[in-house]
Amino acid sequence: MTLSSLPGTRQVTRVVGEQLAPRIGDLRHNTRLIGDAVRRALSDRADLVVLPELATSGYVFADAGEARRTAIRADDPFFAGLRDLLAGTDAVVVLGFCEDGGQVLYNSAAVVDASGVRAVYRKTHLWDRETLFFAPGDRMAPVVTTAHGRVGVLICYDLEFPEMPRRLAVAGADLIAVPTNWPLESHPAGERPAEIIQAQAAARANGLHIVCADRAGTERGQRWTEGTAIINQYGWITAATAAPDAADVQDGASSAEQRIVADIFPHLSRDKTLSPHNDLLADRRTDLYAQESPLL
């Protein structure tokens, strides 16, 4: 079967990563910000749009009450409006939102197309103060079949657990969309932030594309890595925003929203051949991985 004969798919996918700066606790402003970003992406003929973690709410909550005031459900009119914005296209949007789960809140990501919300993933691995406001998800991240391939979803800290992208790769994901809010940390001059290096390693180890959409701006003194990046199935960066350097970290300079655009071939991720004698997934020794390692 050739690439062009794969059912319900396109060969080339235009990916847009929008590095937004939502306002903490301002749901009305943030939903307008998201709508504007999606309109821009559609005007660029985007097929897949990835937006940051908690894009509807902001991140550095003062208390649980502030988080709850920004919480919405998957049946909120905001998502219906996003669906209508995508009407007549086969574009897909992946974005983070503060989800009202009734008695608890979730740090979630939604996959939305012209039919509505296709999937909601609740972040499994909570980072630092997130544990004060959110309950961890208890279901494995999904892989959603779209017109542009099979899209897996993770959120920020999830990507630091190798089991997560590997499970999505084994499930058949061509690409993983990762809404994220990476807190800015210093790193050696000339080096990429560790989070981006980790995303590159995950892409290479699993032979699939990864799209990370990070935050911009400063929120209650917290700055962000600004690590929005599109990474190909070999682990190389196809497009990335200009991340702050060490001097920026020290002087606290504010940052602006940025966006990246790249045309990629997600279905190439389905070929896991490394050499005439090797296959990235078939070479796994699952018969050994469940064994205890001897401590000698």
C-alpha atoms as a PDB file:
ATOM      1  CA  MET A   1       0.000   0.000   0.000  1.00  0.00           C
ATOM      2  CA  THR A   2       1.408   3.394  -0.970  1.00  0.00           C
ATOM      3  CA  LEU A   3       1.226   6.474   1.209  1.00  0.00           C
ATOM      4  CA  SER A   4      -1.296   8.116  -1.123  1.00  0.00           C
ATOM      5  CA  SER A   5      -3.610   5.105  -0.897  1.00  0.00           C
ATOM      6  CA  LEU A   6      -3.978   5.179   2.876  1.00  0.00           C
ATOM      7  CA  PRO A   7      -7.712   5.682   3.565  1.00  0.00           C
ATOM      8  CA  GLY A   8      -8.891   8.997   4.953  1.00  0.00           C
ATOM      9  CA  THR A   9      -5.469  10.606   5.095  1.00  0.00           C
ATOM     10  CA  ARG A  10      -3.430  13.342   3.430  1.00  0.00           C
ATOM     11  CA  GLN A  11       0.214  13.075   2.452  1.00  0.00           C
ATOM     12  CA  VAL A  12       1.278  16.532   3.632  1.00  0.00           C
ATOM     13  CA  THR A  13       0.085  18.021   6.913  1.00  0.00           C
ATOM     14  CA  ARG A  14       0.565  21.686   7.730  1.00  0.00           C
ATOM     15  CA  VAL A  15       1.191  22.008  11.459  1.00  0.00           C
ATOM     16  CA  VAL A  16       0.912  25.273  13.387  1.00  0.00           C
ATOM     17  CA  GLY A  17       2.161  25.671  16.947  1.00  0.00           C
ATOM     18  CA  GLU A  18       0.853  28.815  18.670  1.00  0.00           C
ATOM     19  CA  GLN A  19       2.833  29.991  21.694  1.00  0.00           C
ATOM     20  CA  LEU A  20       0.169  32.047  23.467  1.00  0.00           C
ATOM     21  CA  ALA A  21       0.180  34.117  26.660  1.00  0.00           C
ATOM     22  CA  PRO A  22      -3.196  33.579  28.342  1.00  0.00           C
ATOM     23  CA  ARG A  23      -4.223  35.710  31.321  1.00  0.00           C
ATOM     24  CA  ILE A  24      -4.540  33.906  34.624  1.00  0.00           C
ATOM     25  CA  GLY A  25      -8.194  33.471  35.553  1.00  0.00           C
ATOM     26  CA  ASP A  26      -9.573  35.382  32.552  1.00  0.00           C
ATOM     27  CA  LEU A  27     -11.650  32.810  30.684  1.00  0.00           C
ATOM     28  CA  ARG A  28     -13.340  35.344  28.391  1.00  0.00           C
ATOM     29  CA  HIS A  29     -10.035  36.852  27.234  1.00  0.00           C
ATOM     30  CA  ASN A  30      -8.375  33.469  26.825  1.00  0.00           C
ATOM     31  CA  THR A  31     -11.151  31.957  24.722  1.00  0.00           C
ATOM     32  CA  ARG A  32     -10.985  34.997  22.420  1.00  0.00           C
ATOM     33  CA  LEU A  33      -7.206  34.559  22.251  1.00  0.00           C
ATOM     34  CA  ILE A  34      -7.643  30.921  21.259  1.00  0.00           C
ATOM     35  CA  GLY A  35     -10.258  31.769  18.643  1.00  0.00           C
ATOM     36  CA  ASP A  36      -7.966  34.372  17.081  1.00  0.00           C
ATOM     37  CA  ALA A  37      -5.077  31.901  17.015  1.00  0.00           C
ATOM     38  CA  VAL A  38      -7.189  29.261  15.278  1.00  0.00           C
ATOM     39  CA  ARG A  39      -8.412  31.792  12.706  1.00  0.00           C
ATOM     40  CA  ARG A  40      -4.817  32.776  11.945  1.00  0.00           C
ATOM     41  CA  ALA A  41      -3.851  29.154  11.557  1.00  0.00           C
ATOM     42  CA  LEU A  42      -6.771  28.420   9.250  1.00  0.00           C
ATOM     43  CA  SER A  43      -5.834  31.430   7.119  1.00  0.00           C
ATOM     44  CA  ASP A  44      -2.435  29.712   6.731  1.00  0.00           C
ATOM     45  CA  ARG A  45      -4.241  26.532   5.596  1.00  0.00           C
ATOM     46  CA  ALA A  46      -3.348  24.705   8.795  1.00  0.00           C
ATOM     47  CA  ASP A  47      -4.310  21.051   9.137  1.00  0.00           C
ATOM     48  CA  LEU A  48      -3.257  20.626  12.770  1.00  0.00           C
ATOM     49  CA  VAL A  49      -3.115  23.416  15.352  1.00  0.00           C
ATOM     50  CA  VAL A  50      -1.524  22.814  18.764  1.00  0.00           C
ATOM     51  CA  LEU A  51      -1.987  25.329  21.598  1.00  0.00           C
ATOM     52  CA  PRO A  52      -0.504  25.461  25.126  1.00  0.00           C
ATOM     53  CA  GLU A  53      -1.434  23.641  28.296  1.00  0.00           C
ATOM     54  CA  LEU A  54      -4.270  25.293  30.282  1.00  0.00           C
ATOM     55  CA  ALA A  55      -4.718  27.812  27.467  1.00  0.00           C
ATOM     56  CA  THR A  56      -8.225  28.686  28.675  1.00  0.00           C
ATOM     57  CA  SER A  57      -7.266  29.482  32.254  1.00  0.00           C
ATOM     58  CA  GLY A  58      -3.615  30.322  32.808  1.00  0.00           C
ATOM     59  CA  TYR A  59      -1.425  28.251  35.084  1.00  0.00           C
ATOM     60  CA  VAL A  60      -0.121  29.886  38.285  1.00  0.00           C
ATOM     61  CA  PHE A  61      -3.310  29.779  40.338  1.00  0.00           C
ATOM     62  CA  ALA A  62      -3.436  31.552  43.682  1.00  0.00           C
ATOM     63  CA  ASP A  63      -5.772  28.937  45.131  1.00  0.00           C
ATOM     64  CA  ALA A  64      -8.183  26.166  44.181  1.00  0.00           C
ATOM     65  CA  GLY A  65     -11.087  28.605  44.011  1.00  0.00           C
ATOM     66  CA  GLU A  66      -9.380  30.609  41.282  1.00  0.00           C
ATOM     67  CA  ALA A  67      -8.791  27.441  39.287  1.00  0.00           C
ATOM     68  CA  ARG A  68     -12.413  26.384  39.640  1.00  0.00           C
ATOM     69  CA  ARG A  69     -13.711  29.742  38.422  1.00  0.00           C
ATOM     70  CA  THR A  70     -12.010  29.109  35.070  1.00  0.00           C
ATOM     71  CA  ALA A  71     -13.033  25.451  34.781  1.00  0.00           C
ATOM     72  CA  ILE A  72     -15.220  24.316  31.873  1.00  0.00           C
ATOM     73  CA  ARG A  73     -16.599  21.024  30.608  1.00  0.00           C
ATOM     74  CA  ALA A  74     -16.249  19.438  27.193  1.00  0.00           C
ATOM     75  CA  ASP A  75     -19.853  20.452  26.462  1.00  0.00           C
ATOM     76  CA  ASP A  76     -19.135  24.135  27.156  1.00  0.00           C
ATOM     77  CA  PRO A  77     -20.277  26.573  24.428  1.00  0.00           C
ATOM     78  CA  PHE A  78     -16.617  27.465  23.885  1.00  0.00           C
ATOM     79  CA  PHE A  79     -16.009  24.086  22.282  1.00  0.00           C
ATOM     80  CA  ALA A  80     -19.159  24.392  20.177  1.00  0.00           C
ATOM     81  CA  GLY A  81     -17.807  27.725  18.931  1.00  0.00           C
ATOM     82  CA  LEU A  82     -14.470  26.117  18.116  1.00  0.00           C
ATOM     83  CA  ARG A  83     -16.286  23.346  16.240  1.00  0.00           C
ATOM     84  CA  ASP A  84     -18.182  25.949  14.215  1.00  0.00           C
ATOM     85  CA  LEU A  85     -14.934  27.760  13.456  1.00  0.00           C
ATOM     86  CA  LEU A  86     -13.604  24.532  11.946  1.00  0.00           C
ATOM     87  CA  ALA A  87     -16.757  23.860   9.905  1.00  0.00           C
ATOM     88  CA  GLY A  88     -16.052  23.100   6.267  1.00  0.00           C
ATOM     89  CA  THR A  89     -12.446  22.089   7.003  1.00  0.00           C
ATOM     90  CA  ASP A  90     -10.756  18.892   8.098  1.00  0.00           C
ATOM     91  CA  ALA A  91      -8.454  20.804  10.441  1.00  0.00           C
ATOM     92  CA  VAL A  92      -7.800  19.531  13.962  1.00  0.00           C
ATOM     93  CA  VAL A  93      -7.089  21.608  17.082  1.00  0.00           C
ATOM     94  CA  VAL A  94      -5.421  20.278  20.238  1.00  0.00           C
ATOM     95  CA  LEU A  95      -5.447  22.578  23.267  1.00  0.00           C
ATOM     96  CA  GLY A  96      -5.141  22.473  27.023  1.00  0.00           C
ATOM     97  CA  PHE A  97      -8.002  23.515  29.308  1.00  0.00           C
ATOM     98  CA  CYS A  98      -8.979  23.491  32.965  1.00  0.00           C
ATOM     99  CA  GLU A  99     -11.678  20.821  33.084  1.00  0.00           C
ATOM    100  CA  ASP A 100     -14.597  20.829  35.514  1.00  0.00           C
ATOM    101  CA  GLY A 101     -14.850  17.222  36.601  1.00  0.00           C
ATOM    102  CA  GLY A 102     -17.545  17.831  39.213  1.00  0.00           C
ATOM    103  CA  GLN A 103     -15.992  17.271  42.609  1.00  0.00           C
ATOM    104  CA  VAL A 104     -12.495  17.568  41.154  1.00  0.00           C
ATOM    105  CA  LEU A 105     -10.656  19.502  38.452  1.00  0.00           C
ATOM    106  CA  TYR A 106      -8.441  18.079  35.730  1.00  0.00           C
ATOM    107  CA  ASN A 107      -5.577  19.531  33.735  1.00  0.00           C
ATOM    108  CA  SER A 108      -6.904  18.344  30.389  1.00  0.00           C
ATOM    109  CA  ALA A 109      -6.393  18.537  26.648  1.00  0.00           C
ATOM    110  CA  ALA A 110      -9.141  18.408  24.016  1.00  0.00           C
ATOM    111  CA  VAL A 111      -8.929  17.238  20.423  1.00  0.00           C
ATOM    112  CA  VAL A 112     -11.464  19.192  18.360  1.00  0.00           C
ATOM    113  CA  ASP A 113     -12.492  19.097  14.706  1.00  0.00           C
ATOM    114  CA  ALA A 114     -15.535  20.125  12.664  1.00  0.00           C
ATOM    115  CA  SER A 115     -17.571  17.344  14.285  1.00  0.00           C
ATOM    116  CA  GLY A 116     -16.880  18.643  17.800  1.00  0.00           C
ATOM    117  CA  VAL A 117     -14.757  17.353  20.678  1.00  0.00           C
ATOM    118  CA  ARG A 118     -13.238  14.064  19.518  1.00  0.00           C
ATOM    119  CA  ALA A 119     -11.386  13.237  22.723  1.00  0.00           C
ATOM    120  CA  VAL A 120     -10.430  14.629  26.126  1.00  0.00           C
ATOM    121  CA  TYR A 121      -7.236  13.511  27.841  1.00  0.00           C
ATOM    122  CA  ARG A 122      -6.695  14.197  31.537  1.00  0.00           C
ATOM    123  CA  LYS A 123      -3.062  14.735  32.472  1.00  0.00           C
ATOM    124  CA  THR A 124      -1.686  11.664  34.197  1.00  0.00           C
ATOM    125  CA  HIS A 125       1.522  13.057  35.713  1.00  0.00           C
ATOM    126  CA  LEU A 126       0.996  16.285  37.664  1.00  0.00           C
ATOM    127  CA  TRP A 127       3.892  18.690  38.149  1.00  0.00           C
ATOM    128  CA  ASP A 128       4.628  20.499  41.438  1.00  0.00           C
ATOM    129  CA  ARG A 129       1.741  22.797  42.534  1.00  0.00           C
ATOM    130  CA  GLU A 130      -0.624  21.223  39.999  1.00  0.00           C
ATOM    131  CA  THR A 131      -1.186  18.589  42.688  1.00  0.00           C
ATOM    132  CA  LEU A 132      -2.871  21.299  44.828  1.00  0.00           C
ATOM    133  CA  PHE A 133      -5.586  21.942  42.250  1.00  0.00           C
ATOM    134  CA  PHE A 134      -5.993  18.923  39.988  1.00  0.00           C
ATOM    135  CA  ALA A 135      -6.711  15.229  40.245  1.00  0.00           C
ATOM    136  CA  PRO A 136      -4.542  12.996  38.030  1.00  0.00           C
ATOM    137  CA  GLY A 137      -6.198  11.291  35.106  1.00  0.00           C
ATOM    138  CA  ASP A 138      -6.689   7.546  35.394  1.00  0.00           C
ATOM    139  CA  ARG A 139      -6.890   6.570  31.708  1.00  0.00           C
ATOM    140  CA  MET A 140      -4.124   6.139  29.170  1.00  0.00           C
ATOM    141  CA  ALA A 141      -3.673   8.918  26.645  1.00  0.00           C
ATOM    142  CA  PRO A 142      -5.699   8.464  23.432  1.00  0.00           C
ATOM    143  CA  VAL A 143      -4.739   8.127  19.789  1.00  0.00           C
ATOM    144  CA  VAL A 144      -7.300   9.901  17.587  1.00  0.00           C
ATOM    145  CA  THR A 145      -7.720   8.980  13.925  1.00  0.00           C
ATOM    146  CA  THR A 146      -7.992  12.152  11.846  1.00  0.00           C
ATOM    147  CA  ALA A 147      -7.849  13.164   8.177  1.00  0.00           C
ATOM    148  CA  HIS A 148      -4.169  13.906   8.795  1.00  0.00           C
ATOM    149  CA  GLY A 149      -3.133  10.720  10.483  1.00  0.00           C
ATOM    150  CA  ARG A 150      -3.323   9.235  13.954  1.00  0.00           C
ATOM    151  CA  VAL A 151      -2.725  11.887  16.619  1.00  0.00           C
ATOM    152  CA  GLY A 152      -1.704  10.965  20.151  1.00  0.00           C
ATOM    153  CA  VAL A 153      -1.988  13.449  23.033  1.00  0.00           C
ATOM    154  CA  LEU A 154       0.201  14.066  26.077  1.00  0.00           C
ATOM    155  CA  ILE A 155       0.485  17.079  28.380  1.00  0.00           C
ATOM    156  CA  CYS A 156       3.807  18.604  29.471  1.00  0.00           C
ATOM    157  CA  TYR A 157       5.318  16.480  32.292  1.00  0.00           C
ATOM    158  CA  ASP A 158       3.808  13.310  30.776  1.00  0.00           C
ATOM    159  CA  LEU A 159       6.485  13.469  28.090  1.00  0.00           C
ATOM    160  CA  GLU A 160       9.222  12.928  30.702  1.00  0.00           C
ATOM    161  CA  PHE A 161       8.019   9.368  31.291  1.00  0.00           C
ATOM    162  CA  PRO A 162       9.300   7.234  28.374  1.00  0.00           C
ATOM    163  CA  GLU A 163       6.437   4.778  28.816  1.00  0.00           C
ATOM    164  CA  MET A 164       3.924   7.391  27.642  1.00  0.00           C
ATOM    165  CA  PRO A 165       5.193   8.170  24.119  1.00  0.00           C
ATOM    166  CA  ARG A 166       6.151   4.500  23.704  1.00  0.00           C
ATOM    167  CA  ARG A 167       2.590   3.362  24.484  1.00  0.00           C
ATOM    168  CA  LEU A 168       1.227   5.846  21.934  1.00  0.00           C
ATOM    169  CA  ALA A 169       3.738   4.682  19.329  1.00  0.00           C
ATOM    170  CA  VAL A 170       2.773   1.043  19.877  1.00  0.00           C
ATOM    171  CA  ALA A 171      -0.899   2.060  19.570  1.00  0.00           C
ATOM    172  CA  GLY A 172      -0.137   3.440  16.116  1.00  0.00           C
ATOM    173  CA  ALA A 173       0.281   7.182  16.632  1.00  0.00           C
ATOM    174  CA  ASP A 174       1.887   9.026  13.733  1.00  0.00           C
ATOM    175  CA  LEU A 175       2.309  12.219  15.757  1.00  0.00           C
ATOM    176  CA  ILE A 176       2.035  13.287  19.381  1.00  0.00           C
ATOM    177  CA  ALA A 177       0.603  16.711  20.197  1.00  0.00           C
ATOM    178  CA  VAL A 178       1.880  18.065  23.519  1.00  0.00           C
ATOM    179  CA  PRO A 179       0.305  21.198  25.022  1.00  0.00           C
ATOM    180  CA  THR A 180       2.793  22.351  27.654  1.00  0.00           C
ATOM    181  CA  ASN A 181       3.732  25.054  30.162  1.00  0.00           C
ATOM    182  CA  TRP A 182       7.457  24.525  30.743  1.00  0.00           C
ATOM    183  CA  PRO A 183       8.761  26.739  33.582  1.00  0.00           C
ATOM    184  CA  LEU A 184      11.925  28.495  32.471  1.00  0.00           C
ATOM    185  CA  GLU A 185      15.178  27.191  33.951  1.00  0.00           C
ATOM    186  CA  SER A 186      18.730  28.160  33.123  1.00  0.00           C
ATOM    187  CA  HIS A 187      20.717  25.918  30.821  1.00  0.00           C
ATOM    188  CA  PRO A 188      24.280  25.916  29.473  1.00  0.00           C
ATOM    189  CA  ALA A 189      25.028  28.424  26.750  1.00  0.00           C
ATOM    190  CA  GLY A 190      24.589  26.948  23.307  1.00  0.00           C
ATOM    191  CA  GLU A 191      22.386  24.113  24.544  1.00  0.00           C
ATOM    192  CA  ARG A 192      18.679  23.681  23.968  1.00  0.00           C
ATOM    193  CA  PRO A 193      16.473  23.467  27.069  1.00  0.00           C
ATOM    194  CA  ALA A 194      16.384  19.973  28.521  1.00  0.00           C
ATOM    195  CA  GLU A 195      12.655  19.651  27.867  1.00  0.00           C
ATOM    196  CA  ILE A 196      13.195  20.085  24.131  1.00  0.00           C
ATOM    197  CA  ILE A 197      16.081  17.609  24.152  1.00  0.00           C
ATOM    198  CA  GLN A 198      13.795  15.148  25.902  1.00  0.00           C
ATOM    199  CA  ALA A 199      11.086  15.665  23.260  1.00  0.00           C
ATOM    200  CA  GLN A 200      13.656  15.083  20.512  1.00  0.00           C
ATOM    201  CA  ALA A 201      14.764  11.862  22.211  1.00  0.00           C
ATOM    202  CA  ALA A 202      11.156  10.654  22.511  1.00  0.00           C
ATOM    203  CA  ALA A 203      10.536  11.348  18.816  1.00  0.00           C
ATOM    204  CA  ARG A 204      13.700   9.497  17.801  1.00  0.00           C
ATOM    205  CA  ALA A 205      13.166   6.562  20.178  1.00  0.00           C
ATOM    206  CA  ASN A 206       9.639   6.009  18.900  1.00  0.00           C
ATOM    207  CA  GLY A 207      10.010   7.046  15.274  1.00  0.00           C
ATOM    208  CA  LEU A 208       7.186   9.577  15.262  1.00  0.00           C
ATOM    209  CA  HIS A 209       6.596  13.316  15.019  1.00  0.00           C
ATOM    210  CA  ILE A 210       6.116  15.394  18.177  1.00  0.00           C
ATOM    211  CA  VAL A 211       4.606  18.880  18.327  1.00  0.00           C
ATOM    212  CA  CYS A 212       5.062  20.823  21.593  1.00  0.00           C
ATOM    213  CA  ALA A 213       3.176  24.105  22.120  1.00  0.00           C
ATOM    214  CA  ASP A 214       4.612  26.075  25.046  1.00  0.00           C
ATOM    215  CA  ARG A 215       3.666  29.325  26.820  1.00  0.00           C
ATOM    216  CA  ALA A 216       4.827  32.897  26.356  1.00  0.00           C
ATOM    217  CA  GLY A 217       4.713  35.902  28.674  1.00  0.00           C
ATOM    218  CA  THR A 218       5.238  36.134  32.433  1.00  0.00           C
ATOM    219  CA  GLU A 219       2.579  34.965  34.881  1.00  0.00           C
ATOM    220  CA  ARG A 220       2.872  36.034  38.544  1.00  0.00           C
ATOM    221  CA  GLY A 221       6.626  36.142  38.154  1.00  0.00           C
ATOM    222  CA  GLN A 222       6.856  32.791  36.382  1.00  0.00           C
ATOM    223  CA  ARG A 223       8.537  32.782  32.976  1.00  0.00           C
ATOM    224  CA  TRP A 224       8.390  29.997  30.459  1.00  0.00           C
ATOM    225  CA  THR A 225      10.872  28.009  28.396  1.00  0.00           C
ATOM    226  CA  GLU A 226       9.055  29.112  25.203  1.00  0.00           C
ATOM    227  CA  GLY A 227       9.946  25.750  23.744  1.00  0.00           C
ATOM    228  CA  THR A 228       7.323  25.447  21.019  1.00  0.00           C
ATOM    229  CA  ALA A 229       8.772  22.980  18.500  1.00  0.00           C
ATOM    230  CA  ILE A 230       7.877  20.638  15.665  1.00  0.00           C
ATOM    231  CA  ILE A 231      10.122  17.563  15.709  1.00  0.00           C
ATOM    232  CA  ASN A 232      10.316  14.945  12.971  1.00  0.00           C
ATOM    233  CA  GLN A 233      10.376  11.172  13.346  1.00  0.00           C
ATOM    234  CA  TYR A 234      14.170  11.129  13.419  1.00  0.00           C
ATOM    235  CA  GLY A 235      14.319  13.475  16.410  1.00  0.00           C
ATOM    236  CA  TRP A 236      15.392  16.579  14.468  1.00  0.00           C
ATOM    237  CA  ILE A 237      13.706  19.949  14.893  1.00  0.00           C
ATOM    238  CA  THR A 238      11.734  21.044  11.832  1.00  0.00           C
ATOM    239  CA  ALA A 239      10.638  24.378  13.323  1.00  0.00           C
ATOM    240  CA  ALA A 240      10.989  26.039  16.721  1.00  0.00           C
ATOM    241  CA  THR A 241      10.461  29.367  18.448  1.00  0.00           C
ATOM    242  CA  ALA A 242      13.366  31.439  19.716  1.00  0.00           C
ATOM    243  CA  ALA A 243      13.768  30.382  23.334  1.00  0.00           C
ATOM    244  CA  PRO A 244      15.192  32.807  25.943  1.00  0.00           C
ATOM    245  CA  ASP A 245      18.907  32.609  26.644  1.00  0.00           C
ATOM    246  CA  ALA A 246      20.653  32.705  30.022  1.00  0.00           C
ATOM    247  CA  ALA A 247      20.806  36.519  30.040  1.00  0.00           C
ATOM    248  CA  ASP A 248      17.039  36.708  29.534  1.00  0.00           C
ATOM    249  CA  VAL A 249      16.546  34.443  32.532  1.00  0.00           C
ATOM    250  CA  GLN A 250      18.534  36.791  34.732  1.00  0.00           C
ATOM    251  CA  ASP A 251      17.067  40.112  33.616  1.00  0.00           C
ATOM    252  CA  GLY A 252      13.464  38.857  33.549  1.00  0.00           C
ATOM    253  CA  ALA A 253      12.731  40.367  30.151  1.00  0.00           C
ATOM    254  CA  SER A 254       9.150  39.820  29.025  1.00  0.00           C
ATOM    255  CA  SER A 255       8.442  37.706  25.973  1.00  0.00           C
ATOM    256  CA  ALA A 256       5.974  37.954  23.112  1.00  0.00           C
ATOM    257  CA  GLU A 257       3.682  35.369  21.596  1.00  0.00           C
ATOM    258  CA  GLN A 258       5.206  33.412  18.753  1.00  0.00           C
ATOM    259  CA  ARG A 259       4.037  30.846  16.227  1.00  0.00           C
ATOM    260  CA  ILE A 260       5.667  28.229  14.056  1.00  0.00           C
ATOM    261  CA  VAL A 261       4.475  26.580  10.848  1.00  0.00           C
ATOM    262  CA  ALA A 262       5.820  23.473   9.116  1.00  0.00           C
ATOM    263  CA  ASP A 263       4.672  21.073   6.419  1.00  0.00           C
ATOM    264  CA  ILE A 264       5.342  17.504   7.524  1.00  0.00           C
ATOM    265  CA  PHE A 265       4.592  13.923   6.428  1.00  0.00           C
ATOM    266  CA  PRO A 266       3.130  12.226   9.526  1.00  0.00           C
ATOM    267  CA  HIS A 267       2.501   8.912   7.800  1.00  0.00           C
ATOM    268  CA  LEU A 268       6.208   8.371   7.315  1.00  0.00           C
ATOM    269  CA  SER A 269       6.167   7.572  11.036  1.00  0.00           C
ATOM    270  CA  ARG A 270       4.511   4.256  10.175  1.00  0.00           C
ATOM    271  CA  ASP A 271       7.722   2.940   8.665  1.00  0.00           C
ATOM    272  CA  LYS A 272       9.837   1.895  11.657  1.00  0.00           C
ATOM    273  CA  THR A 273      12.633   0.406   9.543  1.00  0.00           C
ATOM    274  CA  LEU A 274      16.087   1.482  10.738  1.00  0.00           C
ATOM    275  CA  SER A 275      18.198  -0.743   8.500  1.00  0.00           C
ATOM    276  CA  PRO A 276      17.635  -3.802   6.322  1.00  0.00           C
ATOM    277  CA  HIS A 277      17.871  -5.819   9.549  1.00  0.00           C
ATOM    278  CA  ASN A 278      16.227  -3.578  12.146  1.00  0.00           C
ATOM    279  CA  ASP A 279      12.767  -2.295  13.013  1.00  0.00           C
ATOM    280  CA  LEU A 280      12.314   0.199  15.846  1.00  0.00           C
ATOM    281  CA  LEU A 281       9.286  -1.507  17.391  1.00  0.00           C
ATOM    282  CA  ALA A 282       9.717  -5.089  16.175  1.00  0.00           C
ATOM    283  CA  ASP A 283      13.201  -5.252  17.749  1.00  0.00           C
ATOM    284  CA  ARG A 284      11.824  -4.722  21.242  1.00  0.00           C
ATOM    285  CA  ARG A 285      12.462  -7.632  23.628  1.00  0.00           C
ATOM    286  CA  THR A 286       9.141  -7.626  25.423  1.00  0.00           C
ATOM    287  CA  ASP A 287       9.904 -11.144  26.677  1.00  0.00           C
ATOM    288  CA  LEU A 288      12.658  -9.635  28.840  1.00  0.00           C
ATOM    289  CA  TYR A 289      11.167  -6.309  29.912  1.00  0.00           C
ATOM    290  CA  ALA A 290       8.843  -7.840  32.502  1.00  0.00           C
ATOM    291  CA  GLN A 291      11.707  -9.665  34.204  1.00  0.00           C
ATOM    292  CA  GLU A 292      13.409  -8.329  37.297  1.00  0.00           C
ATOM    293  CA  SER A 293      16.917  -7.016  36.661  1.00  0.00           C
ATOM    294  CA  PRO A 294      19.487  -8.934  38.710  1.00  0.00           C
ATOM    295  CA  LEU A 295      21.282  -6.796  41.277  1.00  0.00           C
ATOM    296  CA  LEU A 296      24.819  -8.115  41.192  1.00  0.00           C
END
